C-alpha atoms as a PDB file:
ATOM      1  CA  MET A   1       0.000   0.000   0.000  1.00  0.00           C
ATOM      2  CA  SER A   2       1.276   3.440  -0.880  1.00  0.00           C
ATOM      3  CA  SER A   3       1.913   5.932   1.896  1.00  0.00           C
ATOM      4  CA  HIS A   4       1.000   8.898  -0.346  1.00  0.00           C
ATOM      5  CA  PHE A   5      -1.685  11.156   1.028  1.00  0.00           C
ATOM      6  CA  ASP A   6      -3.002  14.317  -0.591  1.00  0.00           C
ATOM      7  CA  THR A   7      -4.079  15.875   2.716  1.00  0.00           C
ATOM      8  CA  GLU A   8      -3.099  15.143   6.302  1.00  0.00           C
ATOM      9  CA  ILE A   9      -4.867  16.337   9.433  1.00  0.00           C
ATOM     10  CA  ASP A  10      -3.584  15.815  12.956  1.00  0.00           C
ATOM     11  CA  THR A  11      -6.457  15.948  15.427  1.00  0.00           C
ATOM     12  CA  SER A  12      -4.500  14.402  18.295  1.00  0.00           C
ATOM     13  CA  GLY A  13      -5.893  15.547  21.623  1.00  0.00           C
ATOM     14  CA  LEU A  14      -9.217  16.682  20.168  1.00  0.00           C
ATOM     15  CA  ASN A  15     -12.439  15.033  21.296  1.00  0.00           C
ATOM     16  CA  CYS A  16     -15.630  14.191  19.451  1.00  0.00           C
ATOM     17  CA  PRO A  17     -16.979  15.763  17.304  1.00  0.00           C
ATOM     18  CA  LEU A  18     -13.934  17.840  16.289  1.00  0.00           C
ATOM     19  CA  PRO A  19     -11.991  15.104  14.440  1.00  0.00           C
ATOM     20  CA  LEU A  20     -15.055  14.306  12.331  1.00  0.00           C
ATOM     21  CA  LEU A  21     -15.789  17.975  11.652  1.00  0.00           C
ATOM     22  CA  LYS A  22     -12.196  18.609  10.558  1.00  0.00           C
ATOM     23  CA  ALA A  23     -12.288  15.513   8.339  1.00  0.00           C
ATOM     24  CA  LYS A  24     -15.567  16.630   6.741  1.00  0.00           C
ATOM     25  CA  LYS A  25     -14.124  20.082   6.064  1.00  0.00           C
ATOM     26  CA  ALA A  26     -11.003  18.622   4.454  1.00  0.00           C
ATOM     27  CA  LEU A  27     -12.992  16.118   2.380  1.00  0.00           C
ATOM     28  CA  SER A  28     -15.202  18.889   1.030  1.00  0.00           C
ATOM     29  CA  THR A  29     -12.154  20.497  -0.598  1.00  0.00           C
ATOM     30  CA  MET A  30     -10.705  17.297  -2.049  1.00  0.00           C
ATOM     31  CA  GLN A  31     -11.165  15.747  -5.480  1.00  0.00           C
ATOM     32  CA  ALA A  32     -12.484  12.218  -6.075  1.00  0.00           C
ATOM     33  CA  GLY A  33      -9.665   9.714  -5.729  1.00  0.00           C
ATOM     34  CA  GLN A  34      -7.560  11.823  -3.400  1.00  0.00           C
ATOM     35  CA  ARG A  35      -6.520  10.354  -0.058  1.00  0.00           C
ATOM     36  CA  LEU A  36      -6.909  11.865   3.405  1.00  0.00           C
ATOM     37  CA  ARG A  37      -4.767  10.844   6.346  1.00  0.00           C
ATOM     38  CA  LEU A  38      -6.378  11.629   9.683  1.00  0.00           C
ATOM     39  CA  ILE A  39      -4.432  11.218  12.905  1.00  0.00           C
ATOM     40  CA  ALA A  40      -6.718  10.994  15.924  1.00  0.00           C
ATOM     41  CA  THR A  41      -6.467   9.967  19.551  1.00  0.00           C
ATOM     42  CA  ASP A  42     -10.209  10.045  20.229  1.00  0.00           C
ATOM     43  CA  ARG A  43     -11.372   6.423  19.941  1.00  0.00           C
ATOM     44  CA  ALA A  44     -14.844   7.463  18.829  1.00  0.00           C
ATOM     45  CA  ALA A  45     -13.374   9.257  15.810  1.00  0.00           C
ATOM     46  CA  PHE A  46     -12.542   5.979  14.105  1.00  0.00           C
ATOM     47  CA  ILE A  47     -16.147   4.812  14.319  1.00  0.00           C
ATOM     48  CA  ASP A  48     -17.660   8.223  13.517  1.00  0.00           C
ATOM     49  CA  ILE A  49     -15.533   8.753  10.423  1.00  0.00           C
ATOM     50  CA  LEU A  50     -16.139   5.255   9.058  1.00  0.00           C
ATOM     51  CA  VAL A  51     -19.894   5.698   9.474  1.00  0.00           C
ATOM     52  CA  TYR A  52     -19.757   9.156   7.899  1.00  0.00           C
ATOM     53  CA  CYS A  53     -17.886   7.819   4.873  1.00  0.00           C
ATOM     54  CA  GLU A  54     -20.385   4.989   4.452  1.00  0.00           C
ATOM     55  CA  ILE A  55     -23.416   7.310   4.456  1.00  0.00           C
ATOM     56  CA  SER A  56     -21.858  10.116   2.434  1.00  0.00           C
ATOM     57  CA  VAL A  57     -20.365  10.294  -1.040  1.00  0.00           C
ATOM     58  CA  HIS A  58     -16.811   9.849   0.282  1.00  0.00           C
END
């Protein structure tokens, strides 16, 4: 797997819902096929972001 990312966001230390909100903001500026790397320490972020991606166009 390639380690190339088009955008990277470090939300370490931020709690829900901030990691998801920052991810949504970044995704809204990205083109289809681009990759986002999100660094998060909030355990809920991993679930929230996966669910968001499943129900959205991302």
